[in-house]
Protein backbone atom coordinates (compact mmCIF):
# COMPACT_ATOMS: atom_id res chain seq x y z
CA MET A 1 109.76 -8.68 -11.43
CA ASN A 2 107.60 -6.68 -13.15
CA ARG A 3 105.57 -7.77 -16.77
CA THR A 4 107.86 -7.54 -19.59
CA VAL A 5 110.95 -8.88 -17.54
CA SER A 6 108.38 -11.77 -16.65
CA PHE A 7 107.38 -12.18 -20.54
CA ILE A 8 110.35 -12.61 -20.98
CA ALA A 9 111.30 -15.21 -18.50
CA GLU A 10 108.79 -17.52 -19.96
CA LEU A 11 110.05 -16.89 -23.36
CA ILE A 12 112.78 -18.50 -22.67
CA GLN A 13 110.87 -21.08 -20.57
CA GLN A 14 108.89 -22.33 -23.26
CA LYS A 15 112.13 -22.53 -25.46
CA GLU A 16 111.84 -22.18 -29.29
CA SER A 17 108.44 -23.31 -31.43
CA ILE A 18 106.92 -22.62 -34.64
CA GLN A 19 106.43 -18.78 -33.10
CA ILE A 20 109.50 -18.09 -30.62
CA GLU A 21 112.52 -17.76 -31.52
CA PHE A 22 115.58 -16.43 -30.17
CA VAL A 23 118.67 -14.37 -31.45
CA GLY A 24 122.27 -14.51 -29.88
CA GLU A 25 123.14 -10.93 -31.47
CA TYR A 26 122.12 -8.69 -33.46
CA LYS A 27 122.54 -9.46 -37.19
CA VAL A 28 119.75 -7.96 -39.35
CA SER A 29 120.08 -10.06 -42.27
CA GLN A 30 118.78 -13.17 -39.80
CA ILE A 31 116.37 -11.33 -37.86
CA LEU A 32 114.29 -9.75 -41.09
CA LYS A 33 114.27 -13.32 -42.28
CA VAL A 34 112.86 -14.40 -39.05
CA ILE A 35 110.41 -11.83 -39.58
CA CYS A 36 109.48 -12.77 -42.80
CA SER A 37 108.78 -16.75 -41.42
CA PHE A 38 106.38 -15.69 -38.83
CA LEU A 39 104.36 -13.27 -41.39
CA ASN A 40 104.18 -15.86 -43.01
CA THR A 41 103.40 -18.67 -41.04
CA GLU A 42 101.28 -17.59 -37.63
CA GLY A 43 103.11 -14.52 -36.07
CA GLY A 44 105.13 -14.55 -33.13
CA TRP A 45 108.00 -13.13 -31.05
CA VAL A 46 111.68 -12.81 -31.73
CA LEU A 47 113.97 -12.46 -28.44
CA VAL A 48 117.76 -10.73 -29.98
CA GLY A 49 120.39 -10.95 -27.62
CA TYR A 50 119.61 -14.04 -26.14
CA ASP A 51 120.63 -17.83 -27.73
CA GLY A 52 118.56 -19.93 -26.52
CA LYS A 53 121.85 -21.29 -24.12
CA GLU A 54 122.73 -17.99 -22.22
CA PHE A 55 121.91 -13.65 -22.72
CA ARG A 56 124.47 -11.22 -25.06
CA GLY A 57 123.00 -8.15 -24.63
CA ILE A 58 122.88 -5.76 -27.33
CA SER A 59 125.82 -3.59 -27.32
CA GLY A 60 126.07 0.52 -28.44
CA GLY A 61 123.51 2.22 -28.99
CA ILE A 62 120.85 0.12 -28.61
CA GLU A 63 118.01 2.58 -29.43
CA ASN A 64 119.43 3.60 -32.86
CA LYS A 65 119.37 -0.17 -33.27
CA VAL A 66 115.43 -0.45 -32.31
CA SER A 67 114.66 3.13 -35.06
CA GLU A 68 117.87 0.79 -37.81
CA LEU A 69 115.20 -2.13 -37.27
CA LYS A 70 112.28 -0.37 -38.18
CA ASN A 71 113.36 1.65 -41.76
CA LEU A 72 114.92 -1.74 -42.54
CA ILE A 73 111.00 -4.35 -41.82
CA PHE A 74 109.69 -0.96 -43.31
CA ASP A 75 112.24 -1.04 -46.71
CA GLN A 76 113.20 -4.76 -47.05
CA ILE A 77 109.98 -6.36 -46.43
CA PHE A 78 107.01 -6.71 -48.42
CA PRO A 79 104.01 -5.70 -47.98
CA GLN A 80 104.53 -3.40 -45.15
CA PRO A 81 103.95 -5.88 -42.50
CA LEU A 82 102.68 -5.20 -38.81
CA VAL A 83 105.89 -5.69 -36.36
CA ASP A 84 106.36 -3.81 -32.66
CA VAL A 85 109.96 -3.66 -32.17
CA ARG A 86 111.17 -2.26 -28.37
CA PHE A 87 114.70 -2.83 -26.51
CA GLU A 88 114.22 -3.92 -22.54
CA LYS A 89 116.44 -5.05 -19.52
CA TYR A 90 116.94 -8.09 -18.28
CA LYS A 91 119.50 -8.81 -16.35
CA SER A 92 120.60 -5.62 -16.82
CA LEU A 93 121.43 -6.70 -20.79
CA ASP A 94 119.69 -4.71 -23.23
CA VAL A 95 117.31 -7.16 -25.61
CA LEU A 96 115.03 -6.73 -28.66
CA LEU A 97 111.97 -8.14 -28.02
CA ILE A 98 110.22 -8.12 -31.77
CA ASN A 99 106.03 -9.27 -31.93
CA VAL A 100 105.46 -9.72 -35.24
CA ILE A 101 101.35 -9.80 -36.20
CA LYS A 102 100.47 -12.85 -38.86
CA GLY A 103 100.29 -11.18 -42.35
CA SER A 104 96.66 -10.70 -43.24
CA ARG A 105 98.56 -10.31 -46.91
CA GLN A 106 100.33 -13.27 -47.31
CA PRO A 107 102.94 -14.24 -49.10
CA TYR A 108 105.72 -11.37 -47.19
CA THR A 109 109.20 -11.64 -48.88
CA TYR A 110 112.60 -10.23 -47.94
CA GLU A 111 115.10 -9.62 -50.71
CA LYS A 112 112.62 -11.30 -52.83
CA LYS A 113 112.54 -14.24 -51.23
CA TYR A 114 110.21 -16.40 -49.38
CA PHE A 115 110.43 -17.44 -46.09
CA VAL A 116 108.26 -19.78 -43.62
CA ARG A 117 108.68 -20.98 -40.59
CA LYS A 118 109.05 -25.27 -39.85
CA GLY A 119 109.39 -26.09 -36.70
CA ARG A 120 111.70 -23.86 -34.14
CA GLN A 121 113.81 -23.09 -38.27
CA THR A 122 113.28 -20.10 -40.40
CA GLN A 123 114.00 -21.43 -44.20
CA GLU A 124 113.10 -20.61 -47.30
CA ALA A 125 109.91 -21.37 -49.02
CA THR A 126 109.77 -24.30 -51.85
CA THR A 127 107.62 -23.51 -54.41
CA ASP A 128 105.02 -25.84 -53.45
CA GLU A 129 104.93 -23.86 -50.35
CA ILE A 130 104.50 -20.18 -52.25
CA SER A 131 102.16 -21.76 -54.65
CA LEU A 132 99.94 -22.47 -50.89
CA LEU A 133 100.69 -19.33 -49.68
CA LEU A 134 99.27 -17.71 -52.58
CA ARG A 135 95.60 -19.66 -52.86
CA THR A 136 95.74 -19.28 -49.04
CA SER A 137 95.84 -15.40 -48.52
CA ASN A 138 92.81 -14.90 -50.70
CA GLU A 139 90.33 -16.33 -47.66
CA TYR A 140 91.66 -12.57 -45.87
CA ALA A 141 89.82 -10.72 -48.74
CA SER A 142 86.99 -11.74 -48.61
CA THR A 143 87.01 -11.00 -44.13
CA TRP A 144 84.26 -8.18 -43.82
CA GLU A 145 86.92 -5.22 -44.10
CA LYS A 146 87.58 -5.66 -47.92
CA GLN A 147 83.91 -6.52 -49.13
CA THR A 148 82.26 -4.53 -51.45
CA ALA A 149 80.65 -1.38 -49.92
CA ILE A 150 77.95 -0.94 -52.23
CA ASP A 151 77.56 1.85 -54.76
CA ALA A 152 80.27 3.63 -52.48
CA THR A 153 82.25 5.13 -54.66
CA LEU A 154 85.81 7.67 -54.07
CA GLU A 155 83.59 10.26 -53.93
CA ASP A 156 81.94 9.45 -50.65
CA LEU A 157 85.99 9.52 -49.21
CA VAL A 158 87.50 11.97 -46.94
CA GLN A 159 90.08 12.79 -49.27
CA ASN A 160 92.16 15.39 -46.56
CA GLU A 161 91.66 12.44 -43.49
CA ILE A 162 93.79 9.77 -46.52
CA GLU A 163 96.62 12.31 -47.69
CA LEU A 164 96.63 13.53 -43.00
CA THR A 165 97.25 9.65 -42.73
CA ILE A 166 100.04 9.03 -45.39
CA SER A 167 101.19 12.05 -44.00
CA ASP A 168 101.24 10.99 -40.54
CA ALA A 169 102.66 7.22 -41.59
CA ASN A 170 106.06 9.54 -43.58
CA LYS A 171 106.58 11.80 -40.19
CA ILE A 172 106.90 8.71 -37.78
CA GLY A 173 108.76 7.22 -40.30
CA ARG A 174 106.15 4.25 -41.57
CA GLY A 175 105.34 5.70 -44.59
CA LYS A 176 108.53 3.94 -45.95
CA SER A 177 107.79 1.82 -49.43
CA LEU A 178 104.15 3.27 -49.28
CA PRO A 179 102.94 4.79 -52.10
CA ASN A 180 102.07 7.93 -51.22
CA ASP A 181 99.19 9.75 -54.00
CA MET A 182 95.50 9.01 -52.72
CA SER A 183 94.66 6.19 -55.32
CA GLY A 184 97.92 4.34 -55.26
CA PHE A 185 97.70 4.52 -50.62
CA LEU A 186 94.06 2.94 -51.32
CA SER A 187 95.22 0.02 -53.85
CA TYR A 188 98.14 -0.76 -51.31
CA PHE A 189 95.93 -1.26 -48.59
CA GLN A 190 93.47 -3.68 -50.56
CA LEU A 191 91.15 -0.25 -49.65
CA VAL A 192 90.64 0.09 -53.02
CA ASP A 193 89.92 -2.29 -56.30
CA MET A 194 90.01 -1.10 -58.92
CA SER A 195 86.29 1.11 -58.58
CA LEU A 196 85.37 -0.94 -55.74
CA ILE A 197 85.02 0.70 -52.18
CA ARG A 198 86.13 -1.76 -49.65
CA ASN A 199 84.17 -1.50 -46.10
CA GLY A 200 87.61 -0.59 -44.38
CA SER A 201 87.70 2.46 -46.20
CA ILE A 202 84.03 3.71 -45.41
CA VAL A 203 84.87 3.10 -41.82
CA LEU A 204 88.16 4.46 -41.98
CA PHE A 205 88.02 7.29 -44.03
CA GLY A 206 84.02 7.88 -44.51
CA LYS A 207 82.59 10.99 -45.12
CA ASP A 208 79.21 9.66 -43.86
CA PRO A 209 79.49 5.45 -43.46
CA VAL A 210 76.50 5.20 -41.86
CA LYS A 211 75.17 5.66 -44.50
CA PHE A 212 76.68 2.77 -45.95
CA ILE A 213 77.19 0.62 -42.37
CA SER A 214 74.49 1.66 -40.24
CA GLN A 215 76.45 0.67 -37.49
CA CYS A 216 78.98 2.69 -37.92
CA GLN A 217 78.25 4.81 -34.48
CA ILE A 218 78.67 4.87 -31.68
CA ARG A 219 77.85 6.53 -28.35
CA ILE A 220 78.60 8.17 -24.99
CA THR A 221 74.98 8.19 -22.43
CA LEU A 222 75.86 9.92 -19.20
CA MET A 223 73.83 8.21 -16.61
CA PRO A 224 74.28 10.35 -13.54
CA HIS A 225 71.92 7.81 -11.76
CA GLY A 226 73.55 4.52 -11.93
CA LYS A 227 72.17 1.58 -14.31
CA THR A 228 68.55 1.72 -12.20
CA GLY A 229 67.80 5.57 -13.05
CA SER A 230 64.88 6.58 -15.38
CA ARG A 231 67.09 9.39 -16.41
CA PHE A 232 69.97 10.27 -18.67
CA ASP A 233 71.41 13.44 -18.79
CA ASP A 234 73.04 13.96 -21.99
CA THR A 235 73.69 11.22 -25.53
CA VAL A 236 76.08 11.87 -28.19
CA LEU A 237 75.14 9.97 -31.04
CA ILE A 238 78.22 10.13 -32.98
CA GLU A 239 78.65 8.99 -36.85
CA ASP A 240 81.62 10.10 -37.78
CA ASN A 241 84.47 7.68 -39.64
CA LEU A 242 87.25 6.17 -37.33
CA PHE A 243 89.30 9.10 -36.66
CA ALA A 244 86.65 11.89 -36.88
CA ALA A 245 85.11 9.97 -33.92
CA PHE A 246 88.42 9.50 -31.68
CA ASN A 247 89.09 13.28 -31.79
CA ARG A 248 85.92 14.05 -30.82
CA ILE A 249 85.72 11.06 -27.93
CA GLU A 250 89.21 12.48 -26.51
CA GLU A 251 87.28 16.49 -26.78
CA TYR A 252 84.33 15.36 -25.20
CA PHE A 253 86.86 12.83 -21.99
CA THR A 254 88.58 16.39 -22.11
CA ARG A 255 85.57 18.53 -21.77
CA ASN A 256 83.12 16.93 -19.33
CA LEU A 257 85.23 14.36 -17.20
CA PRO A 258 85.32 15.52 -13.56
CA MET A 259 88.78 16.16 -11.82
CA ILE A 260 89.96 15.29 -8.63
CA SER A 261 92.27 16.75 -6.30
CA GLU A 262 95.36 15.56 -5.20
CA PHE A 263 96.27 15.94 -1.34
CA LYS A 264 99.08 18.03 -0.20
CA TYR A 265 100.92 19.03 2.71
CA ASP A 266 99.60 22.79 1.85
CA LYS A 267 96.11 22.77 1.37
CA TRP A 268 96.33 25.83 -0.22
CA ASN A 269 98.32 24.44 -3.37
CA ARG A 270 95.61 21.45 -4.62
CA LYS A 271 96.72 19.68 -8.27
CA ASN A 272 93.92 19.20 -10.01
CA GLU A 273 93.96 15.33 -12.21
CA GLU A 274 91.65 13.65 -14.29
CA LYS A 275 89.53 11.19 -12.03
CA TYR A 276 90.05 8.83 -14.82
CA PRO A 277 94.19 8.53 -16.39
CA MET A 278 93.41 9.96 -20.48
CA ASP A 279 95.79 7.80 -22.43
CA ALA A 280 94.11 4.79 -20.20
CA LEU A 281 90.80 6.23 -21.84
CA ARG A 282 93.21 6.75 -25.71
CA GLU A 283 94.18 2.89 -25.76
CA ALA A 284 90.15 1.84 -24.26
CA VAL A 285 88.88 3.25 -27.03
CA LEU A 286 91.07 2.54 -29.45
CA ASN A 287 91.26 -0.88 -28.49
CA ALA A 288 87.20 -0.84 -29.18
CA MET A 289 87.62 0.84 -32.59
CA VAL A 290 90.43 -1.76 -33.52
CA HIS A 291 88.86 -5.00 -32.24
CA ARG A 292 85.39 -4.93 -32.72
CA ASP A 293 83.62 -6.87 -34.94
CA TYR A 294 81.84 -4.59 -37.97
CA ALA A 295 79.26 -7.53 -39.57
CA ASP A 296 77.72 -7.85 -36.77
CA ILE A 297 75.30 -4.54 -37.73
CA SER A 298 73.31 -4.52 -34.18
CA GLY A 299 76.99 -3.91 -32.60
CA ASP A 300 78.32 -0.36 -32.24
CA ILE A 301 80.35 0.90 -29.57
CA THR A 302 78.76 2.44 -26.78
CA ILE A 303 80.43 4.04 -23.66
CA ASN A 304 78.17 4.70 -20.59
CA ILE A 305 79.47 7.22 -17.86
CA TYR A 306 78.02 6.34 -14.63
CA PRO A 307 78.56 8.39 -11.01
CA ASP A 308 81.96 5.76 -10.24
CA LYS A 309 82.23 3.65 -13.04
CA MET A 310 82.24 3.91 -17.17
CA GLU A 311 81.50 1.00 -19.55
CA ILE A 312 82.75 1.10 -22.77
CA ILE A 313 81.01 -1.39 -24.99
CA ASN A 314 82.06 -3.37 -28.16
CA SER A 315 80.80 -6.28 -30.46
CA GLY A 316 83.11 -9.19 -30.13
CA GLU A 317 84.85 -11.07 -27.39
CA ILE A 318 87.73 -11.03 -26.23
CA PRO A 319 89.74 -14.81 -26.86
CA PRO A 320 89.71 -16.79 -23.89
CA ASP A 321 93.67 -17.33 -24.36
CA ILE A 322 94.22 -13.19 -23.66
CA ILE A 323 91.97 -12.91 -20.06
CA SER A 324 91.60 -15.23 -17.52
CA GLY A 325 89.20 -14.47 -14.50
CA LYS A 326 88.37 -10.43 -15.14
CA ASN A 327 91.56 -8.81 -15.18
CA ASN A 328 94.50 -11.63 -15.30
CA ILE A 329 95.56 -10.38 -19.06
CA LYS A 330 98.14 -12.90 -20.49
CA GLU A 331 101.40 -12.27 -22.58
CA HIS A 332 100.33 -12.88 -26.34
CA HIS A 333 100.29 -12.47 -29.50
CA SER A 334 98.13 -9.21 -30.65
CA VAL A 335 95.46 -10.52 -32.52
CA LEU A 336 93.75 -8.03 -34.72
CA ARG A 337 90.33 -8.78 -36.00
CA ASN A 338 90.81 -5.64 -38.57
CA PRO A 339 93.95 -5.55 -39.43
CA THR A 340 93.74 -3.08 -42.54
CA ILE A 341 91.91 -0.77 -39.68
CA ALA A 342 94.57 -1.83 -36.50
CA HIS A 343 97.62 -1.02 -39.40
CA LEU A 344 96.09 2.36 -40.26
CA PHE A 345 96.05 3.95 -36.97
CA TYR A 346 99.37 2.39 -36.16
CA LEU A 347 100.38 4.58 -39.42
CA ARG A 348 98.84 7.19 -38.29
CA GLY A 349 100.18 7.08 -34.72
CA LYS A 350 97.63 5.98 -32.88
CA ILE A 351 99.10 2.62 -31.65
CA GLU A 352 102.65 2.11 -30.88
CA LYS A 353 103.09 -0.82 -29.27
CA LEU A 354 101.22 -3.85 -30.51
CA GLY A 355 99.57 -6.48 -28.11
CA ARG A 356 100.59 -3.64 -24.99
CA GLY A 357 96.61 -2.41 -24.66
CA LEU A 358 95.12 -4.50 -21.90
CA SER A 359 98.33 -3.81 -20.70
CA LEU A 360 98.38 0.02 -20.26
CA ILE A 361 95.27 0.15 -19.59
CA LYS A 362 95.36 -2.63 -16.30
CA ASP A 363 98.52 -0.42 -15.15
CA ARG A 364 97.75 2.89 -15.11
CA PHE A 365 94.88 2.45 -13.38
CA VAL A 366 96.93 0.45 -11.24
CA GLU A 367 99.56 3.36 -10.49
CA ASN A 368 96.68 5.61 -10.19
CA GLY A 369 95.61 3.94 -7.13
CA LEU A 370 92.12 3.05 -8.92
CA LYS A 371 90.28 -0.07 -8.76
CA VAL A 372 91.20 -2.25 -11.37
CA PRO A 373 89.89 -2.28 -14.45
CA GLU A 374 88.16 -5.37 -15.47
CA TRP A 375 87.18 -7.29 -19.04
CA THR A 376 83.72 -9.58 -19.64
CA SER A 377 83.12 -10.93 -22.49
CA GLN A 378 79.43 -12.16 -23.20
CA SER A 379 76.64 -13.25 -25.69
CA GLY A 380 79.46 -11.06 -28.43
CA TYR A 381 80.27 -8.63 -27.18
CA THR A 382 82.90 -7.77 -24.48
CA THR A 383 82.66 -5.16 -21.78
CA LEU A 384 85.18 -2.72 -19.93
CA THR A 385 84.05 -1.31 -16.95
CA LEU A 386 86.60 1.21 -16.24
CA TYR A 387 86.39 2.24 -11.89
CA GLY A 388 86.77 5.94 -11.12
CA PHE A 389 87.44 5.36 -7.38
CA SER A 390 90.69 4.01 -5.31
CA LYS A 391 90.90 0.25 -4.79
CA PRO A 392 90.47 0.01 -0.77
CA ILE A 393 93.38 0.89 1.32
CA GLY A 394 93.54 -1.47 4.75
CA VAL A 395 93.73 0.83 7.53
CA ASN A 396 94.90 -0.66 10.93
CA ASP A 397 93.98 1.36 13.71
CA ARG A 398 98.29 0.78 14.59
CA MET A 399 98.69 3.50 11.68
CA LEU A 400 95.78 5.36 12.03
CA THR A 401 97.09 6.67 15.75
CA PHE A 402 100.11 7.27 13.96
CA MET A 403 98.42 9.52 12.35
CA LYS A 404 95.89 10.96 14.55
CA LYS A 405 99.06 12.71 15.83
CA LEU A 406 99.83 14.44 13.11
CA LYS A 407 99.50 18.17 11.92
CA VAL A 408 98.96 18.97 8.04
CA GLY A 409 102.56 19.45 6.58
CA GLU A 410 104.26 17.44 9.12
CA GLN A 411 106.63 15.84 8.18
CA PHE A 412 108.38 11.77 9.92
CA SER A 413 110.59 9.41 8.80
CA ARG A 414 110.07 5.76 9.26
CA GLU A 415 112.32 5.30 11.70
CA ASP A 416 110.21 8.53 13.19
CA PHE A 417 107.34 5.93 12.78
CA GLU A 418 108.99 3.15 14.74
CA ARG A 419 109.95 4.70 17.92
CA PHE A 420 106.36 5.91 18.21
CA PHE A 421 105.33 2.77 18.23
CA GLU A 422 108.37 2.01 21.54
CA SER A 423 110.48 0.21 18.41
CA ASN A 424 107.54 -3.05 19.02
CA ILE A 425 107.34 -3.31 15.31
CA SER A 426 109.79 -4.16 12.59
CA GLU A 427 111.04 -2.24 9.67
CA LYS A 428 109.30 -4.54 7.50
CA THR A 429 106.01 -3.73 9.09
CA ALA A 430 106.64 -0.02 9.46
CA ARG A 431 107.28 0.53 5.73
CA ASN A 432 104.28 -1.41 4.59
CA ASP A 433 102.19 0.57 7.38
CA ILE A 434 103.95 3.77 5.81
CA GLY A 435 103.24 2.79 2.15
CA LYS A 436 100.21 2.05 2.51
CA LEU A 437 99.08 5.40 3.68
CA MET A 438 101.59 6.88 0.58
CA GLU A 439 98.99 4.45 -1.30
CA GLY A 440 95.42 6.12 0.42
CA ARG A 441 97.26 9.38 -0.30
CA TRP A 442 97.30 10.08 3.44
CA VAL A 443 101.08 11.23 3.42
CA GLU A 444 103.40 11.96 0.66
CA ARG A 445 107.11 11.50 0.16
CA ILE A 446 110.02 13.19 -0.20
CA GLY A 447 113.21 13.36 -0.75
CA GLU A 448 115.73 10.21 -2.09
CA GLY A 449 117.45 8.20 -0.39
CA PRO A 450 118.66 8.37 3.87
CA SER A 451 117.10 11.82 3.35
CA THR A 452 113.38 10.21 3.01
CA LYS A 453 110.45 11.68 4.65
CA TYR A 454 107.53 11.41 4.71
CA VAL A 455 104.79 14.06 5.16
CA ARG A 456 100.84 14.06 6.01
CA THR A 457 99.03 15.68 3.18
CA ASN A 458 95.43 17.53 4.15
CA LYS A 459 93.14 14.04 2.99
CA GLU A 460 90.71 12.93 5.68
CA LEU A 461 91.39 9.43 8.10
CA PRO A 462 88.82 6.92 7.75
CA GLU A 463 86.68 6.57 9.69
CA ILE A 464 86.76 2.60 9.51
CA THR A 465 89.77 0.64 9.84
CA GLY A 466 90.80 -2.89 8.85
């Protein structure tokens, strides 16, 4: 059972609540009201295609419905919210899974009406509730990213970066209902108030952000001799705005990270691949940028690169209800320490699936046969450790005996594996053994179904079995 399927099963088990709503049919108006109510309350999950008793699924053009719903959210709910809409398969049926992030600019409206969540119900807000939402929304104006950057002016911002954000938002359909002029755009997101420039503007678009916010630094250190070594090969200090910094880090990874060879049965045609999955690295850097605690004046982002691993350290701890242990990721609502910064990255197309970043990182490393990443939080900091080596594969004497009789490039089937041991092993055992050999890249599968074969790669066999 994959992660999403198990999460849907968990939602159903929890039943409807202040943060969970089931909608049996694709009824746009009902869905938008629920989304608006979650924005004005505590956020939550909407599952469309399940009525609370049985799955009905959604028929006809599920991808078009996702696109339609995203556009309607941006067109008809104000101010623009952060909502993730995607379709999933459950019990062979198409359903919609919607993650609504608690709004940072309450109150939100749909059809010029305010909606709130009361227990399991979505209701239109009363006059008193609207008044409370308006008063409560002022709490968000005092968050760090909305505080004033002393002495900063519009001249301290990179105009081209702001224009690119507006352009990107329009290209990917997220710019609807947003102002297209620089001043109006910044005002819409409360990044500028009259002549006052907010911290969020400096971090996102500043020409020289360190001039106003000293902790706007990202440090990359290459440590070839490990933590105990006394010499660093090089240290890169990045003091740009977040978008420029992200591009510089991506360029650094592309240029400097080592490659490894993928073992094939044809030893003359090895395929080189990155030591770390690049999309997972991007996501890890984005997480550090978006979720770090910028109010910590000593809390820059640090990236330490060792021979066998990488550490990405940022100020701010991961809430305990998101990760248990070092890498047991729980299904969770997105918790945005910096909602405006996250929203602007979303508009640039950098963040695609809200609340899924940690799972993407973990899954990509597992898919590449690498040791599972680990997250640790301590003393106000979070450290993500990414390992550049494979997790140990248990190769037993039986597997090793069979492999030693094969030449590089020689093929075999699962039945051949069983016959080699004179059928003294079960089909399940044979499949498990071959699966581990594939995981360790000592063999490679070719073909599908009944014609499936396996071929010996040129990767050397391990000396130690276990």
